[in-house]
Amino acid sequence: MTTGTHEAPLAAQAAARHHRNRSQALVGYLFILPALIGFAVFYLYPALRGLQISFTDWNLLSAPNNVGLANYDQALRDPQFWRSLGITLKYVAWNIPLQTLLAIVLAVAMDRLVKSMFVKGLLIVPYLLSNVLVGLIFLWMLDPLLGIVNQWLATTPLGKQAFFTGADQAIPTIAMVNIWKHVGFNALLFYAGLQAIPRSVYEAAAIDGASEGRTFWRITLPLLRPVTVFVLVTSVIGSFQIFDTVAVTTQGGPVDSTKVLVYYIYQNAFSFFKMGYATAMSMLLFALLVFFTLMQMRLLRANESDLD
């Protein structure tokens, strides 16, 4: 009788706990429901619809015709597709290393030297501007004839530079514009990562006689790995999708030297009305981004932490 008497309250407590957990889970699902609806409507459905369109020949006016894998076969045989992909990779090679390095330098400077929140807040101002606005500002500033930068360069031994109008300089210039826009935001991410590193780690390193450089390479950078993974993954994804700055400043020129992949996709979709072919290239770009993301996360050991 005593055993049964004790088991009844335990069963009641377990049932109450199960009911409470279900109620909490339901509340959690209700909170994320608006985000799930937005994701399904604005991301999931368009992605599935795009996959369907990629198997068709559609000019936006007539009914689409199913062509199977013909669009993918055409893309893989298209020299311009591979050339645009190569130009995109060139842009990524300019953008990612410089942007990441400058962001880390700025973050360390903020951590060691800058205490003013106003100064730190200024870093994010360029990120809040639209890509189109930033592109127009630099287009005017770097104009070969009237731009203020070239007016100043004319007084130096360097002389005026082509910038957006030079085939060799256009991609590096576009990369510099986007570095200026995004480096402050990434620096704040690295700064937040620096604040999360326990100060006791640095104190122990100082007691052991570690130099500033050794402390940075052996402690700071490894402990910043979670932030570094996030910054690199999001930056690479964004860099492969570069479009706004190119559309505003060079329109793919001069002589197609800045015709990045997304701009080539845009031309096929809305200039040549090859919607099925453009969507197939978009799907190939999506697969490429998934590959690069998984590769980065594996190489950088994104699922591990040095703080453990």
C-alpha atoms as a PDB file:
ATOM      1  CA  MET A   1       0.000   0.000   0.000  1.00  0.00           C
ATOM      2  CA  THR A   2       2.846   2.361   0.864  1.00  0.00           C
ATOM      3  CA  THR A   3       4.529   1.718  -2.490  1.00  0.00           C
ATOM      4  CA  GLY A   4       1.326   2.388  -4.384  1.00  0.00           C
ATOM      5  CA  THR A   5       0.744   5.533  -2.359  1.00  0.00           C
ATOM      6  CA  HIS A   6       4.171   6.888  -3.360  1.00  0.00           C
ATOM      7  CA  GLU A   7       3.875   5.873  -7.026  1.00  0.00           C
ATOM      8  CA  ALA A   8       0.628   7.810  -7.540  1.00  0.00           C
ATOM      9  CA  PRO A   9       2.136  11.256  -6.744  1.00  0.00           C
ATOM     10  CA  LEU A  10       5.229  10.432  -8.861  1.00  0.00           C
ATOM     11  CA  ALA A  11       3.047   9.513 -11.825  1.00  0.00           C
ATOM     12  CA  ALA A  12       1.017  12.685 -11.343  1.00  0.00           C
ATOM     13  CA  GLN A  13       4.215  14.775 -11.224  1.00  0.00           C
ATOM     14  CA  ALA A  14       5.540  13.122 -14.382  1.00  0.00           C
ATOM     15  CA  ALA A  15       2.237  13.765 -16.180  1.00  0.00           C
ATOM     16  CA  ALA A  16       2.238  17.400 -15.030  1.00  0.00           C
ATOM     17  CA  ARG A  17       5.845  17.855 -16.163  1.00  0.00           C
ATOM     18  CA  HIS A  18       5.057  16.318 -19.552  1.00  0.00           C
ATOM     19  CA  HIS A  19       2.040  18.606 -19.938  1.00  0.00           C
ATOM     20  CA  ARG A  20       4.154  21.638 -18.962  1.00  0.00           C
ATOM     21  CA  ASN A  21       6.867  20.727 -21.470  1.00  0.00           C
ATOM     22  CA  ARG A  22       4.306  20.339 -24.233  1.00  0.00           C
ATOM     23  CA  SER A  23       2.782  23.708 -23.339  1.00  0.00           C
ATOM     24  CA  GLN A  24       6.193  25.377 -23.408  1.00  0.00           C
ATOM     25  CA  ALA A  25       7.002  23.752 -26.757  1.00  0.00           C
ATOM     26  CA  LEU A  26       3.680  24.962 -28.156  1.00  0.00           C
ATOM     27  CA  VAL A  27       4.414  28.511 -27.001  1.00  0.00           C
ATOM     28  CA  GLY A  28       7.846  28.297 -28.628  1.00  0.00           C
ATOM     29  CA  TYR A  29       6.365  27.141 -31.932  1.00  0.00           C
ATOM     30  CA  LEU A  30       3.840  29.989 -31.810  1.00  0.00           C
ATOM     31  CA  PHE A  31       6.667  32.504 -31.378  1.00  0.00           C
ATOM     32  CA  ILE A  32       8.602  31.214 -34.406  1.00  0.00           C
ATOM     33  CA  LEU A  33       5.479  30.685 -36.528  1.00  0.00           C
ATOM     34  CA  PRO A  34       5.599  34.173 -38.157  1.00  0.00           C
ATOM     35  CA  ALA A  35       9.239  33.608 -39.126  1.00  0.00           C
ATOM     36  CA  LEU A  36       8.423  30.140 -40.482  1.00  0.00           C
ATOM     37  CA  ILE A  37       5.557  31.550 -42.546  1.00  0.00           C
ATOM     38  CA  GLY A  38       7.815  34.295 -43.909  1.00  0.00           C
ATOM     39  CA  PHE A  39      10.518  31.754 -44.732  1.00  0.00           C
ATOM     40  CA  ALA A  40       8.042  29.465 -46.502  1.00  0.00           C
ATOM     41  CA  VAL A  41       6.439  32.273 -48.510  1.00  0.00           C
ATOM     42  CA  PHE A  42       9.500  34.319 -49.455  1.00  0.00           C
ATOM     43  CA  TYR A  43      12.271  31.674 -49.562  1.00  0.00           C
ATOM     44  CA  LEU A  44      11.106  28.065 -49.654  1.00  0.00           C
ATOM     45  CA  TYR A  45       8.303  28.427 -52.217  1.00  0.00           C
ATOM     46  CA  PRO A  46      10.356  30.649 -54.601  1.00  0.00           C
ATOM     47  CA  ALA A  47      13.259  28.178 -54.350  1.00  0.00           C
ATOM     48  CA  LEU A  48      11.046  25.203 -55.197  1.00  0.00           C
ATOM     49  CA  ARG A  49       9.345  27.188 -57.952  1.00  0.00           C
ATOM     50  CA  GLY A  50      12.758  28.170 -59.314  1.00  0.00           C
ATOM     51  CA  LEU A  51      13.840  24.530 -59.360  1.00  0.00           C
ATOM     52  CA  GLN A  52      10.721  23.705 -61.375  1.00  0.00           C
ATOM     53  CA  ILE A  53      11.342  26.561 -63.823  1.00  0.00           C
ATOM     54  CA  SER A  54      14.953  25.432 -64.341  1.00  0.00           C
ATOM     55  CA  PHE A  55      13.651  22.362 -66.205  1.00  0.00           C
ATOM     56  CA  THR A  56      11.659  24.466 -68.682  1.00  0.00           C
ATOM     57  CA  ASP A  57      12.132  26.757 -71.664  1.00  0.00           C
ATOM     58  CA  TRP A  58      10.211  29.901 -70.683  1.00  0.00           C
ATOM     59  CA  ASN A  59      10.375  33.435 -72.054  1.00  0.00           C
ATOM     60  CA  LEU A  60       7.926  34.961 -69.506  1.00  0.00           C
ATOM     61  CA  LEU A  61       5.299  35.478 -72.225  1.00  0.00           C
ATOM     62  CA  SER A  62       4.349  32.056 -73.553  1.00  0.00           C
ATOM     63  CA  ALA A  63       3.639  28.889 -71.608  1.00  0.00           C
ATOM     64  CA  PRO A  64       6.791  27.114 -70.359  1.00  0.00           C
ATOM     65  CA  ASN A  65       7.937  23.982 -72.190  1.00  0.00           C
ATOM     66  CA  ASN A  66       9.524  21.140 -70.268  1.00  0.00           C
ATOM     67  CA  VAL A  67      13.079  20.511 -71.537  1.00  0.00           C
ATOM     68  CA  GLY A  68      14.428  18.291 -68.752  1.00  0.00           C
ATOM     69  CA  LEU A  69      18.131  18.780 -68.041  1.00  0.00           C
ATOM     70  CA  ALA A  70      18.818  20.695 -71.258  1.00  0.00           C
ATOM     71  CA  ASN A  71      19.325  24.025 -69.434  1.00  0.00           C
ATOM     72  CA  TYR A  72      21.888  22.496 -67.094  1.00  0.00           C
ATOM     73  CA  ASP A  73      23.703  20.869 -69.995  1.00  0.00           C
ATOM     74  CA  GLN A  74      23.746  24.184 -71.850  1.00  0.00           C
ATOM     75  CA  ALA A  75      25.111  26.020 -68.797  1.00  0.00           C
ATOM     76  CA  LEU A  76      27.934  23.538 -68.295  1.00  0.00           C
ATOM     77  CA  ARG A  77      28.862  23.906 -71.989  1.00  0.00           C
ATOM     78  CA  ASP A  78      28.514  27.725 -72.008  1.00  0.00           C
ATOM     79  CA  PRO A  79      31.950  29.461 -72.123  1.00  0.00           C
ATOM     80  CA  GLN A  80      30.412  32.685 -70.834  1.00  0.00           C
ATOM     81  CA  PHE A  81      29.043  30.874 -67.780  1.00  0.00           C
ATOM     82  CA  TRP A  82      32.520  29.644 -66.852  1.00  0.00           C
ATOM     83  CA  ARG A  83      34.069  33.038 -67.653  1.00  0.00           C
ATOM     84  CA  SER A  84      31.528  34.781 -65.414  1.00  0.00           C
ATOM     85  CA  LEU A  85      32.215  32.248 -62.681  1.00  0.00           C
ATOM     86  CA  GLY A  86      35.948  32.914 -63.034  1.00  0.00           C
ATOM     87  CA  ILE A  87      35.373  36.684 -62.737  1.00  0.00           C
ATOM     88  CA  THR A  88      33.263  36.063 -59.632  1.00  0.00           C
ATOM     89  CA  LEU A  89      36.045  33.955 -58.100  1.00  0.00           C
ATOM     90  CA  LYS A  90      38.498  36.747 -58.875  1.00  0.00           C
ATOM     91  CA  TYR A  91      36.243  39.196 -57.041  1.00  0.00           C
ATOM     92  CA  VAL A  92      35.951  36.802 -54.076  1.00  0.00           C
ATOM     93  CA  ALA A  93      39.749  36.444 -53.983  1.00  0.00           C
ATOM     94  CA  TRP A  94      40.105  40.227 -53.751  1.00  0.00           C
ATOM     95  CA  ASN A  95      37.236  40.791 -51.342  1.00  0.00           C
ATOM     96  CA  ILE A  96      37.339  38.069 -48.669  1.00  0.00           C
ATOM     97  CA  PRO A  97      41.013  38.082 -47.511  1.00  0.00           C
ATOM     98  CA  LEU A  98      41.315  41.883 -47.402  1.00  0.00           C
ATOM     99  CA  GLN A  99      37.927  42.405 -45.777  1.00  0.00           C
ATOM    100  CA  THR A 100      38.534  39.753 -43.105  1.00  0.00           C
ATOM    101  CA  LEU A 101      42.049  40.975 -42.323  1.00  0.00           C
ATOM    102  CA  LEU A 102      40.957  44.612 -42.029  1.00  0.00           C
ATOM    103  CA  ALA A 103      37.979  43.622 -39.882  1.00  0.00           C
ATOM    104  CA  ILE A 104      40.237  41.768 -37.425  1.00  0.00           C
ATOM    105  CA  VAL A 105      42.670  44.708 -37.286  1.00  0.00           C
ATOM    106  CA  LEU A 106      39.829  47.151 -36.615  1.00  0.00           C
ATOM    107  CA  ALA A 107      38.347  44.862 -33.967  1.00  0.00           C
ATOM    108  CA  VAL A 108      41.659  44.579 -32.118  1.00  0.00           C
ATOM    109  CA  ALA A 109      42.131  48.354 -32.362  1.00  0.00           C
ATOM    110  CA  MET A 110      38.674  48.922 -30.884  1.00  0.00           C
ATOM    111  CA  ASP A 111      39.389  46.450 -28.108  1.00  0.00           C
ATOM    112  CA  ARG A 112      42.767  47.950 -27.205  1.00  0.00           C
ATOM    113  CA  LEU A 113      42.561  51.630 -28.127  1.00  0.00           C
ATOM    114  CA  VAL A 114      39.010  52.899 -28.688  1.00  0.00           C
ATOM    115  CA  LYS A 115      36.632  53.281 -25.767  1.00  0.00           C
ATOM    116  CA  SER A 116      34.126  55.693 -27.298  1.00  0.00           C
ATOM    117  CA  MET A 117      30.837  54.042 -28.286  1.00  0.00           C
ATOM    118  CA  PHE A 118      30.283  56.876 -30.776  1.00  0.00           C
ATOM    119  CA  VAL A 119      33.433  55.970 -32.690  1.00  0.00           C
ATOM    120  CA  LYS A 120      32.492  52.303 -32.659  1.00  0.00           C
ATOM    121  CA  GLY A 121      29.008  53.176 -33.897  1.00  0.00           C
ATOM    122  CA  LEU A 122      30.469  55.081 -36.854  1.00  0.00           C
ATOM    123  CA  LEU A 123      31.940  51.838 -38.188  1.00  0.00           C
ATOM    124  CA  ILE A 124      28.511  50.422 -38.953  1.00  0.00           C
ATOM    125  CA  VAL A 125      27.221  53.506 -40.804  1.00  0.00           C
ATOM    126  CA  PRO A 126      28.483  52.366 -44.258  1.00  0.00           C
ATOM    127  CA  TYR A 127      26.811  48.978 -43.728  1.00  0.00           C
ATOM    128  CA  LEU A 128      23.462  50.720 -43.228  1.00  0.00           C
ATOM    129  CA  LEU A 129      23.673  52.418 -46.630  1.00  0.00           C
ATOM    130  CA  SER A 130      22.211  50.646 -49.655  1.00  0.00           C
ATOM    131  CA  ASN A 131      24.550  49.040 -52.178  1.00  0.00           C
ATOM    132  CA  VAL A 132      23.097  51.213 -54.935  1.00  0.00           C
ATOM    133  CA  LEU A 133      23.782  54.428 -53.017  1.00  0.00           C
ATOM    134  CA  VAL A 134      27.329  53.365 -52.152  1.00  0.00           C
ATOM    135  CA  GLY A 135      27.952  52.387 -55.772  1.00  0.00           C
ATOM    136  CA  LEU A 136      26.735  55.765 -57.050  1.00  0.00           C
ATOM    137  CA  ILE A 137      28.834  57.688 -54.525  1.00  0.00           C
ATOM    138  CA  PHE A 138      32.018  55.880 -55.533  1.00  0.00           C
ATOM    139  CA  LEU A 139      31.113  56.106 -59.222  1.00  0.00           C
ATOM    140  CA  TRP A 140      31.088  59.889 -58.901  1.00  0.00           C
ATOM    141  CA  MET A 141      34.158  60.044 -56.678  1.00  0.00           C
ATOM    142  CA  LEU A 142      36.217  57.792 -58.982  1.00  0.00           C
ATOM    143  CA  ASP A 143      35.076  59.330 -62.278  1.00  0.00           C
ATOM    144  CA  PRO A 144      38.097  59.437 -64.622  1.00  0.00           C
ATOM    145  CA  LEU A 145      37.525  63.088 -65.555  1.00  0.00           C
ATOM    146  CA  LEU A 146      35.636  64.874 -62.787  1.00  0.00           C
ATOM    147  CA  GLY A 147      35.969  62.560 -59.771  1.00  0.00           C
ATOM    148  CA  ILE A 148      37.498  64.107 -56.665  1.00  0.00           C
ATOM    149  CA  VAL A 149      39.844  61.149 -56.205  1.00  0.00           C
ATOM    150  CA  ASN A 150      41.293  61.483 -59.703  1.00  0.00           C
ATOM    151  CA  GLN A 151      41.550  65.250 -59.283  1.00  0.00           C
ATOM    152  CA  TRP A 152      43.766  64.622 -56.275  1.00  0.00           C
ATOM    153  CA  LEU A 153      45.710  61.798 -57.957  1.00  0.00           C
ATOM    154  CA  ALA A 154      46.488  64.147 -60.850  1.00  0.00           C
ATOM    155  CA  THR A 155      48.669  66.161 -58.444  1.00  0.00           C
ATOM    156  CA  THR A 156      50.692  63.070 -57.471  1.00  0.00           C
ATOM    157  CA  PRO A 157      53.200  60.931 -59.414  1.00  0.00           C
ATOM    158  CA  LEU A 158      50.534  58.214 -59.748  1.00  0.00           C
ATOM    159  CA  GLY A 159      48.378  60.324 -62.039  1.00  0.00           C
ATOM    160  CA  LYS A 160      44.728  59.677 -62.831  1.00  0.00           C
ATOM    161  CA  GLN A 161      43.523  56.070 -62.676  1.00  0.00           C
ATOM    162  CA  ALA A 162      40.854  54.290 -64.715  1.00  0.00           C
ATOM    163  CA  PHE A 163      39.198  52.576 -61.721  1.00  0.00           C
ATOM    164  CA  PHE A 164      35.761  51.398 -62.978  1.00  0.00           C
ATOM    165  CA  THR A 165      36.647  52.039 -66.653  1.00  0.00           C
ATOM    166  CA  GLY A 166      39.833  49.949 -66.707  1.00  0.00           C
ATOM    167  CA  ALA A 167      39.566  46.242 -67.500  1.00  0.00           C
ATOM    168  CA  ASP A 168      42.377  45.411 -65.051  1.00  0.00           C
ATOM    169  CA  GLN A 169      41.236  47.764 -62.304  1.00  0.00           C
ATOM    170  CA  ALA A 170      37.449  47.341 -62.361  1.00  0.00           C
ATOM    171  CA  ILE A 171      37.152  44.171 -60.254  1.00  0.00           C
ATOM    172  CA  PRO A 172      39.649  45.333 -57.572  1.00  0.00           C
ATOM    173  CA  THR A 173      37.810  48.686 -57.452  1.00  0.00           C
ATOM    174  CA  ILE A 174      34.438  46.992 -56.970  1.00  0.00           C
ATOM    175  CA  ALA A 175      36.015  44.860 -54.248  1.00  0.00           C
ATOM    176  CA  MET A 176      37.369  47.969 -52.498  1.00  0.00           C
ATOM    177  CA  VAL A 177      33.913  49.582 -52.595  1.00  0.00           C
ATOM    178  CA  ASN A 178      32.282  46.561 -50.968  1.00  0.00           C
ATOM    179  CA  ILE A 179      35.099  46.204 -48.438  1.00  0.00           C
ATOM    180  CA  TRP A 180      34.477  49.814 -47.372  1.00  0.00           C
ATOM    181  CA  LYS A 181      30.781  49.059 -46.972  1.00  0.00           C
ATOM    182  CA  HIS A 182      30.998  45.774 -45.033  1.00  0.00           C
ATOM    183  CA  VAL A 183      34.288  45.850 -43.117  1.00  0.00           C
ATOM    184  CA  GLY A 184      32.842  47.872 -40.223  1.00  0.00           C
ATOM    185  CA  PHE A 185      30.044  45.398 -39.598  1.00  0.00           C
ATOM    186  CA  ASN A 186      32.432  42.440 -39.669  1.00  0.00           C
ATOM    187  CA  ALA A 187      34.789  44.324 -37.356  1.00  0.00           C
ATOM    188  CA  LEU A 188      31.973  44.684 -34.827  1.00  0.00           C
ATOM    189  CA  LEU A 189      31.344  40.935 -35.037  1.00  0.00           C
ATOM    190  CA  PHE A 190      35.012  40.239 -34.328  1.00  0.00           C
ATOM    191  CA  TYR A 191      34.936  42.836 -31.535  1.00  0.00           C
ATOM    192  CA  ALA A 192      32.009  41.013 -29.928  1.00  0.00           C
ATOM    193  CA  GLY A 193      34.007  37.794 -30.209  1.00  0.00           C
ATOM    194  CA  LEU A 194      36.973  39.435 -28.487  1.00  0.00           C
ATOM    195  CA  GLN A 195      34.749  40.540 -25.620  1.00  0.00           C
ATOM    196  CA  ALA A 196      33.647  36.930 -25.107  1.00  0.00           C
ATOM    197  CA  ILE A 197      37.211  35.682 -24.559  1.00  0.00           C
ATOM    198  CA  PRO A 198      37.885  35.349 -20.805  1.00  0.00           C
ATOM    199  CA  ARG A 199      40.487  37.872 -19.590  1.00  0.00           C
ATOM    200  CA  SER A 200      41.921  35.188 -17.334  1.00  0.00           C
ATOM    201  CA  VAL A 201      43.307  33.468 -20.445  1.00  0.00           C
ATOM    202  CA  TYR A 202      45.354  36.562 -21.306  1.00  0.00           C
ATOM    203  CA  GLU A 203      46.468  36.939 -17.696  1.00  0.00           C
ATOM    204  CA  ALA A 204      47.736  33.347 -17.676  1.00  0.00           C
ATOM    205  CA  ALA A 205      49.575  33.952 -20.963  1.00  0.00           C
ATOM    206  CA  ALA A 206      51.189  37.112 -19.540  1.00  0.00           C
ATOM    207  CA  ILE A 207      52.334  35.211 -16.437  1.00  0.00           C
ATOM    208  CA  ASP A 208      53.913  32.575 -18.710  1.00  0.00           C
ATOM    209  CA  GLY A 209      55.808  35.364 -20.489  1.00  0.00           C
ATOM    210  CA  ALA A 210      54.011  35.119 -23.851  1.00  0.00           C
ATOM    211  CA  SER A 211      54.579  38.099 -26.167  1.00  0.00           C
ATOM    212  CA  GLU A 212      51.751  40.119 -27.717  1.00  0.00           C
ATOM    213  CA  GLY A 213      52.269  38.475 -31.092  1.00  0.00           C
ATOM    214  CA  ARG A 214      52.380  34.965 -29.684  1.00  0.00           C
ATOM    215  CA  THR A 215      49.272  35.655 -27.597  1.00  0.00           C
ATOM    216  CA  PHE A 216      47.412  36.876 -30.672  1.00  0.00           C
ATOM    217  CA  TRP A 217      48.324  33.873 -32.843  1.00  0.00           C
ATOM    218  CA  ARG A 218      48.027  31.175 -30.165  1.00  0.00           C
ATOM    219  CA  ILE A 219      45.075  32.481 -28.122  1.00  0.00           C
ATOM    220  CA  THR A 220      43.084  35.269 -29.800  1.00  0.00           C
ATOM    221  CA  LEU A 221      42.755  33.821 -33.300  1.00  0.00           C
ATOM    222  CA  PRO A 222      41.884  30.241 -32.198  1.00  0.00           C
ATOM    223  CA  LEU A 223      39.271  31.531 -29.749  1.00  0.00           C
ATOM    224  CA  LEU A 224      37.798  33.742 -32.479  1.00  0.00           C
ATOM    225  CA  ARG A 225      37.164  30.718 -34.701  1.00  0.00           C
ATOM    226  CA  PRO A 226      33.336  30.603 -34.215  1.00  0.00           C
ATOM    227  CA  VAL A 227      33.073  34.270 -35.233  1.00  0.00           C
ATOM    228  CA  THR A 228      35.558  33.761 -38.058  1.00  0.00           C
ATOM    229  CA  VAL A 229      33.510  30.878 -39.441  1.00  0.00           C
ATOM    230  CA  PHE A 230      30.344  32.985 -39.384  1.00  0.00           C
ATOM    231  CA  VAL A 231      32.048  35.975 -41.018  1.00  0.00           C
ATOM    232  CA  LEU A 232      33.718  33.887 -43.725  1.00  0.00           C
ATOM    233  CA  VAL A 233      30.619  31.850 -44.574  1.00  0.00           C
ATOM    234  CA  THR A 234      28.323  34.877 -44.825  1.00  0.00           C
ATOM    235  CA  SER A 235      30.945  36.965 -46.632  1.00  0.00           C
ATOM    236  CA  VAL A 236      31.664  34.273 -49.220  1.00  0.00           C
ATOM    237  CA  ILE A 237      27.954  33.739 -49.858  1.00  0.00           C
ATOM    238  CA  GLY A 238      27.425  37.480 -50.239  1.00  0.00           C
ATOM    239  CA  SER A 239      30.480  37.880 -52.480  1.00  0.00           C
ATOM    240  CA  PHE A 240      29.329  35.185 -54.895  1.00  0.00           C
ATOM    241  CA  GLN A 241      26.017  37.055 -55.175  1.00  0.00           C
ATOM    242  CA  ILE A 242      27.576  40.446 -55.972  1.00  0.00           C
ATOM    243  CA  PHE A 243      25.244  42.317 -58.315  1.00  0.00           C
ATOM    244  CA  ASP A 244      24.155  45.784 -57.135  1.00  0.00           C
ATOM    245  CA  THR A 245      27.556  47.445 -57.326  1.00  0.00           C
ATOM    246  CA  VAL A 246      28.272  45.972 -60.754  1.00  0.00           C
ATOM    247  CA  ALA A 247      24.861  46.976 -62.106  1.00  0.00           C
ATOM    248  CA  VAL A 248      25.272  50.559 -60.895  1.00  0.00           C
ATOM    249  CA  THR A 249      28.912  51.171 -61.807  1.00  0.00           C
ATOM    250  CA  THR A 250      30.073  49.053 -64.761  1.00  0.00           C
ATOM    251  CA  GLN A 251      27.076  47.076 -66.107  1.00  0.00           C
ATOM    252  CA  GLY A 252      29.454  44.176 -66.693  1.00  0.00           C
ATOM    253  CA  GLY A 253      32.031  46.246 -68.592  1.00  0.00           C
ATOM    254  CA  PRO A 254      34.504  47.250 -69.734  1.00  0.00           C
ATOM    255  CA  VAL A 255      34.650  44.453 -72.341  1.00  0.00           C
ATOM    256  CA  ASP A 256      32.794  42.086 -69.975  1.00  0.00           C
ATOM    257  CA  SER A 257      35.627  42.253 -67.425  1.00  0.00           C
ATOM    258  CA  THR A 258      33.122  42.640 -64.549  1.00  0.00           C
ATOM    259  CA  LYS A 259      30.338  40.416 -65.860  1.00  0.00           C
ATOM    260  CA  VAL A 260      30.030  38.381 -62.673  1.00  0.00           C
ATOM    261  CA  LEU A 261      27.827  35.297 -62.570  1.00  0.00           C
ATOM    262  CA  VAL A 262      24.745  36.900 -61.010  1.00  0.00           C
ATOM    263  CA  TYR A 263      24.868  39.740 -63.553  1.00  0.00           C
ATOM    264  CA  TYR A 264      25.063  37.169 -66.370  1.00  0.00           C
ATOM    265  CA  ILE A 265      22.073  35.366 -64.851  1.00  0.00           C
ATOM    266  CA  TYR A 266      20.195  38.678 -64.684  1.00  0.00           C
ATOM    267  CA  GLN A 267      20.941  39.392 -68.362  1.00  0.00           C
ATOM    268  CA  ASN A 268      19.654  35.999 -69.466  1.00  0.00           C
ATOM    269  CA  ALA A 269      16.509  36.349 -67.402  1.00  0.00           C
ATOM    270  CA  PHE A 270      15.460  39.943 -68.078  1.00  0.00           C
ATOM    271  CA  SER A 271      17.357  40.985 -71.222  1.00  0.00           C
ATOM    272  CA  PHE A 272      17.294  37.762 -73.260  1.00  0.00           C
ATOM    273  CA  PHE A 273      14.106  36.385 -71.600  1.00  0.00           C
ATOM    274  CA  LYS A 274      15.650  32.959 -71.037  1.00  0.00           C
ATOM    275  CA  MET A 275      14.080  32.442 -67.662  1.00  0.00           C
ATOM    276  CA  GLY A 276      14.538  28.672 -67.576  1.00  0.00           C
ATOM    277  CA  TYR A 277      18.215  28.909 -68.490  1.00  0.00           C
ATOM    278  CA  ALA A 278      18.837  31.719 -65.989  1.00  0.00           C
ATOM    279  CA  THR A 279      17.135  29.747 -63.223  1.00  0.00           C
ATOM    280  CA  ALA A 280      19.232  26.668 -64.029  1.00  0.00           C
ATOM    281  CA  MET A 281      22.390  28.750 -63.604  1.00  0.00           C
ATOM    282  CA  SER A 282      20.992  30.041 -60.301  1.00  0.00           C
ATOM    283  CA  MET A 283      20.544  26.461 -59.112  1.00  0.00           C
ATOM    284  CA  LEU A 284      24.129  25.656 -60.083  1.00  0.00           C
ATOM    285  CA  LEU A 285      25.265  28.714 -58.121  1.00  0.00           C
ATOM    286  CA  PHE A 286      23.212  27.517 -55.141  1.00  0.00           C
ATOM    287  CA  ALA A 287      24.886  24.092 -55.295  1.00  0.00           C
ATOM    288  CA  LEU A 288      28.298  25.769 -55.504  1.00  0.00           C
ATOM    289  CA  LEU A 289      27.553  27.909 -52.438  1.00  0.00           C
ATOM    290  CA  VAL A 290      26.416  24.859 -50.469  1.00  0.00           C
ATOM    291  CA  PHE A 291      29.674  23.135 -51.390  1.00  0.00           C
ATOM    292  CA  PHE A 292      31.839  26.111 -50.358  1.00  0.00           C
ATOM    293  CA  THR A 293      29.895  26.546 -47.110  1.00  0.00           C
ATOM    294  CA  LEU A 294      30.269  22.900 -46.099  1.00  0.00           C
ATOM    295  CA  MET A 295      33.941  22.941 -47.059  1.00  0.00           C
ATOM    296  CA  GLN A 296      34.624  26.060 -44.970  1.00  0.00           C
ATOM    297  CA  MET A 297      32.766  24.680 -41.956  1.00  0.00           C
ATOM    298  CA  ARG A 298      34.680  21.415 -42.166  1.00  0.00           C
ATOM    299  CA  LEU A 299      38.110  23.004 -42.646  1.00  0.00           C
ATOM    300  CA  LEU A 300      37.538  25.559 -39.877  1.00  0.00           C
ATOM    301  CA  ARG A 301      35.990  22.960 -37.520  1.00  0.00           C
ATOM    302  CA  ALA A 302      32.856  25.033 -37.009  1.00  0.00           C
ATOM    303  CA  ASN A 303      31.330  22.515 -34.579  1.00  0.00           C
ATOM    304  CA  GLU A 304      34.228  22.758 -32.112  1.00  0.00           C
ATOM    305  CA  SER A 305      35.193  25.377 -29.538  1.00  0.00           C
ATOM    306  CA  ASP A 306      38.608  26.057 -28.006  1.00  0.00           C
ATOM    307  CA  LEU A 307      36.946  27.448 -24.885  1.00  0.00           C
ATOM    308  CA  ASP A 308      35.874  23.967 -23.759  1.00  0.00           C
END
